[in-house]
Amino acid sequence: MEDNIIELSPNKAFSIQNIVKLDGRLSAYPQNEKGFVPLNCYLIKEDSGAFLFDTGYLFHQEKILHQLKSILDPDTPLSIIPLRINEFMSVGNVKAITYNFNVVAFYSPHPEGPDWFDFTDKERDWSLKEIPTNILRGTVDCMVGDNTDRNIQVISAPLRLINTSWIYDEKTKILFSSDMFNYGIAEKSTEDWIITNPEEEFSISYIKSFLLNTRYWWLEGAKTRLLRDNIKKVYDSYDIETLAPGYGKIFKGKKLVQKQFELLDNILDELDISKTKAHYVARNQMR
């Protein structure tokens, strides 16, 4: 690891990380959660082109630009896909990265991507409009650079609160899962940020509480059968060897990945309206 950059696949896929201490302010984590987590932006690349998934918080702008420059030639054609276009973690540094790199395309569920990226100055920067926006609807196949052997699939996340994309990279067998599977938390800021031990245990009760105390508070007593079916469809459709969430530790290894999907399925089964009664959730109520 150098400058909190993890090479997930040799010269093909990178996790660009900024480590933060949990103190109740990060909405992706329960208010009472303690420890350290990486905020992950991901770069996948070929010699002829690259994609960046999420751009990080504005607070980390200088560090993120430095990290990118250490692994990406500024002239390489770069496309940006914010996985959650209405969150600062995804769009915070789109503008700065566009100024410093050869950004050739935005990907967005909205036709005017730049309208979501330009919020750091008093005056509107109309030059962002010159970069085309590719619309994300359903599943979108994208070629990485000119390499016809390197494709990614951008899919609408089967479990989400806000508009969210997951991305599967065929070459590296990585599923970039945005704000799902983000419960890998470190006690110290110096821990390894990749989990490889297939016996690593996360209990159903812990993950269920984690979901209900973050943006998935609405799952308790919901109709989860269709959610389960759609998540299973993703797992069955792709050969996933690595789970790369937008927050938290990365899961590497087919058995470990399979276990996370099984845990999620069991939890959604438990939370279904047929087994769990829905009720009003008071603000800041911990479950």
Protein backbone atom coordinates (compact mmCIF):
# COMPACT_ATOMS: atom_id res chain seq x y z
CA MET A 1 0.00 0.00 0.00
CA GLU A 2 1.29 3.46 -0.92
CA ASP A 3 -0.58 6.67 -0.07
CA ASN A 4 -3.56 4.46 0.87
CA ILE A 5 -3.80 3.02 -2.63
CA ILE A 6 -4.52 -0.71 -2.92
CA GLU A 7 -3.87 -2.50 -6.19
CA LEU A 8 -6.78 -4.94 -6.43
CA SER A 9 -5.59 -6.35 -9.76
CA PRO A 10 -2.11 -5.65 -11.23
CA ASN A 11 -2.33 -2.36 -13.14
CA LYS A 12 -6.04 -3.01 -13.75
CA ALA A 13 -7.99 -1.99 -10.65
CA PHE A 14 -7.18 0.23 -7.67
CA SER A 15 -8.86 1.29 -4.46
CA ILE A 16 -8.09 4.93 -3.64
CA GLN A 17 -8.67 5.27 0.08
CA ASN A 18 -8.97 7.96 2.71
CA ILE A 19 -9.21 6.63 6.25
CA VAL A 20 -11.67 8.23 8.69
CA LYS A 21 -12.49 7.71 12.34
CA LEU A 22 -16.14 6.97 13.04
CA ASP A 23 -17.72 9.49 15.39
CA GLY A 24 -21.43 9.34 14.57
CA ARG A 25 -21.40 11.83 11.67
CA LEU A 26 -21.03 9.45 8.73
CA SER A 27 -24.55 8.41 7.65
CA ALA A 28 -23.33 5.13 6.17
CA TYR A 29 -22.61 3.90 9.72
CA PRO A 30 -24.70 3.64 12.91
CA GLN A 31 -24.30 6.59 15.24
CA ASN A 32 -22.84 4.43 17.99
CA GLU A 33 -20.32 2.64 15.76
CA LYS A 34 -16.66 3.16 16.66
CA GLY A 35 -13.46 2.41 14.80
CA PHE A 36 -11.92 3.31 11.45
CA VAL A 37 -13.04 2.80 7.86
CA PRO A 38 -11.67 3.66 4.43
CA LEU A 39 -13.70 5.82 2.08
CA ASN A 40 -13.13 4.07 -1.24
CA CYS A 41 -12.98 5.52 -4.73
CA TYR A 42 -12.10 2.99 -7.41
CA LEU A 43 -10.06 3.33 -10.59
CA ILE A 44 -10.05 0.68 -13.30
CA LYS A 45 -7.85 1.22 -16.31
CA GLU A 46 -6.27 0.09 -19.54
CA ASP A 47 -3.58 1.94 -21.48
CA SER A 48 -6.23 3.48 -23.74
CA GLY A 49 -8.78 4.52 -21.14
CA ALA A 50 -9.97 4.42 -17.54
CA PHE A 51 -13.07 4.67 -15.33
CA LEU A 52 -13.33 6.27 -11.90
CA PHE A 53 -16.14 5.16 -9.59
CA ASP A 54 -16.93 7.96 -7.07
CA THR A 55 -14.69 10.95 -6.41
CA GLY A 56 -14.62 11.38 -2.62
CA TYR A 57 -15.42 14.22 -0.26
CA LEU A 58 -14.23 17.74 -1.01
CA PHE A 59 -12.27 17.63 2.26
CA HIS A 60 -9.95 15.00 0.73
CA GLN A 61 -9.56 16.73 -2.64
CA GLU A 62 -5.83 17.43 -2.48
CA LYS A 63 -5.04 13.87 -1.35
CA ILE A 64 -7.29 12.29 -3.98
CA LEU A 65 -5.73 14.29 -6.80
CA HIS A 66 -2.28 13.26 -5.58
CA GLN A 67 -3.36 9.61 -5.39
CA LEU A 68 -4.81 9.66 -8.90
CA LYS A 69 -1.72 11.30 -10.38
CA SER A 70 0.44 8.54 -8.93
CA ILE A 71 -1.40 5.80 -10.85
CA LEU A 72 -3.01 7.50 -13.88
CA ASP A 73 -1.41 9.45 -16.72
CA PRO A 74 -3.23 12.81 -16.93
CA ASP A 75 -3.67 12.33 -20.69
CA THR A 76 -5.45 8.98 -20.40
CA PRO A 77 -9.13 9.31 -21.42
CA LEU A 78 -11.07 9.08 -18.16
CA SER A 79 -14.79 8.48 -17.60
CA ILE A 80 -16.43 9.21 -14.24
CA ILE A 81 -19.32 7.23 -12.78
CA PRO A 82 -20.69 8.53 -9.45
CA LEU A 83 -22.38 5.49 -7.91
CA ARG A 84 -24.70 7.69 -5.82
CA ILE A 85 -25.10 10.91 -7.75
CA ASN A 86 -26.95 12.69 -4.94
CA GLU A 87 -24.23 12.12 -2.31
CA PHE A 88 -21.16 14.29 -1.74
CA MET A 89 -18.99 11.18 -1.34
CA SER A 90 -19.68 10.34 -4.98
CA VAL A 91 -19.63 13.76 -6.66
CA GLY A 92 -17.52 15.96 -4.37
CA ASN A 93 -14.40 16.08 -6.56
CA VAL A 94 -15.78 15.58 -10.07
CA LYS A 95 -15.04 19.19 -10.95
CA ALA A 96 -11.44 19.20 -9.62
CA ILE A 97 -10.65 15.87 -11.30
CA THR A 98 -12.06 17.18 -14.59
CA TYR A 99 -9.69 20.16 -14.37
CA ASN A 100 -6.66 17.93 -13.74
CA PHE A 101 -7.31 14.92 -15.98
CA ASN A 102 -8.55 14.11 -19.46
CA VAL A 103 -12.19 13.49 -18.55
CA VAL A 104 -14.10 12.49 -21.68
CA ALA A 105 -17.46 11.34 -20.28
CA PHE A 106 -19.79 11.37 -17.31
CA TYR A 107 -22.27 8.60 -16.52
CA SER A 108 -25.46 9.56 -14.74
CA PRO A 109 -29.11 8.51 -14.32
CA HIS A 110 -29.89 12.17 -15.10
CA PRO A 111 -29.36 13.61 -18.59
CA GLU A 112 -27.43 16.65 -17.35
CA GLY A 113 -24.69 15.21 -15.15
CA PRO A 114 -22.79 18.52 -14.74
CA ASP A 115 -25.82 20.00 -12.96
CA TRP A 116 -24.94 17.68 -10.05
CA PHE A 117 -21.20 18.36 -10.03
CA ASP A 118 -20.76 22.13 -10.03
CA PHE A 119 -21.33 23.35 -6.49
CA THR A 120 -17.93 24.55 -5.27
CA ASP A 121 -17.87 28.12 -6.63
CA LYS A 122 -20.24 31.07 -6.62
CA GLU A 123 -20.24 31.28 -10.41
CA ARG A 124 -21.45 28.43 -12.60
CA ASP A 125 -18.76 26.74 -14.71
CA TRP A 126 -20.45 26.04 -18.02
CA SER A 127 -17.38 24.24 -19.44
CA LEU A 128 -18.48 21.05 -17.66
CA LYS A 129 -21.42 20.96 -20.07
CA GLU A 130 -18.99 20.31 -22.92
CA ILE A 131 -18.32 16.82 -21.54
CA PRO A 132 -21.03 14.39 -22.68
CA THR A 133 -23.28 12.62 -20.19
CA ASN A 134 -24.13 8.97 -20.83
CA ILE A 135 -27.48 7.97 -19.35
CA LEU A 136 -27.64 5.07 -16.90
CA ARG A 137 -30.84 3.07 -17.31
CA GLY A 138 -31.13 -0.60 -16.43
CA THR A 139 -27.88 -2.44 -17.18
CA VAL A 140 -25.31 -0.53 -19.23
CA ASP A 141 -22.28 -2.21 -20.84
CA CYS A 142 -19.14 -0.10 -21.14
CA MET A 143 -15.83 -0.87 -22.82
CA VAL A 144 -12.71 0.22 -20.92
CA GLY A 145 -10.66 2.25 -23.38
CA ASP A 146 -10.16 0.54 -26.74
CA ASN A 147 -9.82 -2.89 -25.17
CA THR A 148 -12.61 -5.05 -26.54
CA ASP A 149 -11.68 -7.69 -23.94
CA ARG A 150 -12.39 -5.38 -21.00
CA ASN A 151 -16.03 -4.62 -20.29
CA ILE A 152 -17.91 -3.45 -17.24
CA GLN A 153 -21.63 -3.70 -16.50
CA VAL A 154 -23.29 -0.84 -14.64
CA ILE A 155 -26.47 -2.09 -12.97
CA SER A 156 -29.16 -0.48 -10.88
CA ALA A 157 -28.50 -1.62 -7.32
CA PRO A 158 -31.09 -4.26 -6.33
CA LEU A 159 -31.13 -2.93 -2.77
CA ARG A 160 -30.91 0.82 -2.24
CA LEU A 161 -32.41 3.85 -0.56
CA ILE A 162 -31.35 6.46 -3.11
CA ASN A 163 -30.43 6.17 -6.79
CA THR A 164 -27.45 3.81 -6.66
CA SER A 165 -25.38 1.80 -9.14
CA TRP A 166 -23.37 -1.37 -8.69
CA ILE A 167 -20.64 -2.19 -11.22
CA TYR A 168 -19.18 -5.53 -12.25
CA ASP A 169 -15.77 -5.72 -13.92
CA GLU A 170 -15.50 -8.92 -15.98
CA LYS A 171 -11.71 -8.82 -16.22
CA THR A 172 -10.97 -8.63 -12.51
CA LYS A 173 -14.19 -10.30 -11.26
CA ILE A 174 -14.83 -7.41 -8.88
CA LEU A 175 -18.31 -6.23 -7.88
CA PHE A 176 -18.23 -2.58 -6.81
CA SER A 177 -21.15 -2.55 -4.38
CA SER A 178 -21.40 1.11 -3.38
CA ASP A 179 -23.13 1.40 0.03
CA MET A 180 -23.83 -2.32 0.50
CA PHE A 181 -21.50 -4.79 2.31
CA ASN A 182 -19.78 -1.85 4.03
CA TYR A 183 -19.68 -3.27 7.57
CA GLY A 184 -15.98 -4.21 7.60
CA ILE A 185 -14.69 -1.87 10.32
CA ALA A 186 -11.19 -1.67 11.81
CA GLU A 187 -10.31 -1.08 15.43
CA LYS A 188 -7.08 0.67 14.39
CA SER A 189 -6.27 2.93 11.45
CA THR A 190 -3.29 0.75 10.55
CA GLU A 191 -5.17 -2.50 9.89
CA ASP A 192 -5.26 -4.38 6.60
CA TRP A 193 -8.16 -3.04 4.52
CA ILE A 194 -8.76 -6.28 2.63
CA ILE A 195 -10.42 -9.28 4.29
CA THR A 196 -9.24 -12.56 2.77
CA ASN A 197 -9.95 -15.11 5.51
CA PRO A 198 -13.04 -17.11 4.43
CA GLU A 199 -13.71 -17.85 8.10
CA GLU A 200 -14.04 -14.17 9.00
CA GLU A 201 -17.27 -13.94 10.96
CA PHE A 202 -19.95 -11.26 10.83
CA SER A 203 -23.05 -12.36 12.69
CA ILE A 204 -26.55 -12.04 11.30
CA SER A 205 -27.59 -10.01 14.34
CA TYR A 206 -24.72 -7.56 13.82
CA ILE A 207 -25.35 -7.00 10.12
CA LYS A 208 -29.12 -6.72 10.64
CA SER A 209 -28.61 -4.09 13.33
CA PHE A 210 -26.09 -2.34 11.06
CA LEU A 211 -28.61 -2.12 8.21
CA LEU A 212 -31.51 -0.98 10.39
CA ASN A 213 -29.43 1.74 12.04
CA THR A 214 -28.27 3.25 8.76
CA ARG A 215 -30.04 4.03 5.48
CA TYR A 216 -31.79 0.66 5.43
CA TRP A 217 -34.00 1.43 8.44
CA TRP A 218 -37.07 0.79 6.25
CA LEU A 219 -36.37 -2.93 5.75
CA GLU A 220 -38.04 -4.05 8.98
CA GLY A 221 -41.42 -5.42 7.98
CA ALA A 222 -40.97 -4.67 4.29
CA LYS A 223 -41.87 -7.01 1.42
CA THR A 224 -38.39 -8.36 0.82
CA ARG A 225 -39.05 -11.32 -1.52
CA LEU A 226 -38.45 -9.30 -4.69
CA LEU A 227 -35.34 -7.72 -3.17
CA ARG A 228 -33.98 -11.17 -2.39
CA ASP A 229 -34.74 -12.41 -5.90
CA ASN A 230 -33.00 -9.45 -7.54
CA ILE A 231 -29.92 -9.74 -5.31
CA LYS A 232 -29.71 -13.48 -6.06
CA LYS A 233 -29.96 -12.67 -9.77
CA VAL A 234 -26.89 -10.42 -9.49
CA TYR A 235 -24.93 -13.08 -7.62
CA ASP A 236 -25.91 -15.81 -10.08
CA SER A 237 -25.21 -13.63 -13.14
CA TYR A 238 -21.62 -12.68 -12.34
CA ASP A 239 -18.53 -14.59 -11.28
CA ILE A 240 -17.67 -12.45 -8.26
CA GLU A 241 -14.34 -12.94 -6.51
CA THR A 242 -14.08 -9.53 -4.78
CA LEU A 243 -16.65 -7.27 -3.11
CA ALA A 244 -15.50 -3.65 -3.20
CA PRO A 245 -17.84 -1.36 -1.23
CA GLY A 246 -17.73 2.42 -1.26
CA TYR A 247 -17.09 2.41 2.49
CA GLY A 248 -15.31 -0.10 4.68
CA LYS A 249 -13.06 -3.09 4.16
CA ILE A 250 -12.92 -5.03 0.90
CA PHE A 251 -13.88 -8.73 0.77
CA LYS A 252 -11.62 -10.90 -1.42
CA GLY A 253 -12.22 -14.57 -2.14
CA LYS A 254 -15.18 -16.47 -3.67
CA LYS A 255 -16.16 -18.27 -0.45
CA LEU A 256 -16.01 -15.04 1.53
CA VAL A 257 -18.13 -13.24 -1.08
CA GLN A 258 -20.64 -16.09 -1.15
CA LYS A 259 -20.96 -15.92 2.64
CA GLN A 260 -21.80 -12.18 2.55
CA PHE A 261 -24.59 -12.74 0.02
CA GLU A 262 -25.96 -15.63 2.07
CA LEU A 263 -25.96 -13.52 5.24
CA LEU A 264 -27.79 -10.71 3.45
CA ASP A 265 -30.37 -13.12 2.05
CA ASN A 266 -31.02 -14.63 5.50
CA ILE A 267 -31.44 -11.18 7.02
CA LEU A 268 -33.88 -10.04 4.33
CA ASP A 269 -35.83 -13.25 4.87
CA GLU A 270 -36.05 -12.53 8.62
CA LEU A 271 -37.14 -8.94 8.00
CA ASP A 272 -39.93 -9.81 5.56
CA ILE A 273 -43.43 -8.69 6.50
CA SER A 274 -44.45 -12.35 6.82
CA LYS A 275 -42.06 -12.74 9.78
CA THR A 276 -41.48 -9.23 11.14
CA LYS A 277 -44.05 -6.59 11.97
CA ALA A 278 -43.40 -3.09 10.63
CA HIS A 279 -43.58 -0.21 13.08
CA TYR A 280 -42.82 3.48 13.32
CA VAL A 281 -39.12 4.21 13.76
CA ALA A 282 -38.39 7.26 15.88
CA ARG A 283 -35.52 9.51 14.91
CA ASN A 284 -32.17 8.27 16.30
CA GLN A 285 -33.80 5.06 17.55
CA MET A 286 -31.18 2.31 17.71
CA ARG A 287 -32.24 -1.23 16.83
